[in-house]
Amino acid sequence: MIPRLVLLTDRSQLRLGRGLVRTVRECVDAGLRAVVVREHDLEPGQRHALLSTLAAIDGLTVVSSRIPDDCAHGLHLAAHQPAPADGCWGRSCHSRADVARAAGQGASWTTLSPYAVSASKPGHGPALPASAWAGHALPVLALAGIDATNAAAAVAAGAHGVAVMGAVMRAEDPAAVVAALLRELPNTPRRSSPPLRSPEQRRRDPGC
């Protein structure tokens, strides 16, 4: 099961002098249990090394955005990408119909956006209606414009949890933002093994 809080990375939004690995480590110490690694501009070898480093952090589930990688515990696809043949994967969705299609294709989770106005993607909207979040066949993470002031409301509306990028990446103290978000979300474990299967487990048994 995907955790209630998932961090999406974008190192370009970090404050000057902050490194991505350090930031993720601090967020894990604050309770973060899953990260979707974007960083699509990196060379393949650099991105693989980043995923490998993050995957070695105890208790952290690492999901690769768009590009499969053996170091990752899962894969998160853009809305237009074809579904993989096996493994644990999720998809970016923008409507209830998108979520239903992803569930039918075998996705294990989706993000659904926009929940609210996003500072990371100005003009991305309008926000989805309150009826968008409940009654799905798989866990749905509310994305866009999420922070500690509205995370609980997203779950109350029916989302499984929230996916956050800018509120954490742009923060002076990203770990404090993670801690504040987790206080607003239900049933957050202190630390556990990655909830998605490792690459070795996926090769032995492609099911989630």
Foldseek 3Di string as FASTA:
>chain_A
DDDQEEEEEDLVQADPPDDPLVLVLLQVQLFAQEYEYEPVVDDPVVVLVVLQSNLPRAQHQYEYECDDHQSHLEYEYELPDDDDPFAAYEYEEAFLVSLQVRVVNPHQEYEYDDQPAAPVDHPPDDHDDLQGAADGPHAYAHEGPDFLVCQLVSVVSHHSHHYDYNVQRNDPRNNVRSNSNVVSDPDRDRGDGRPGGHSVVCVVPRHD
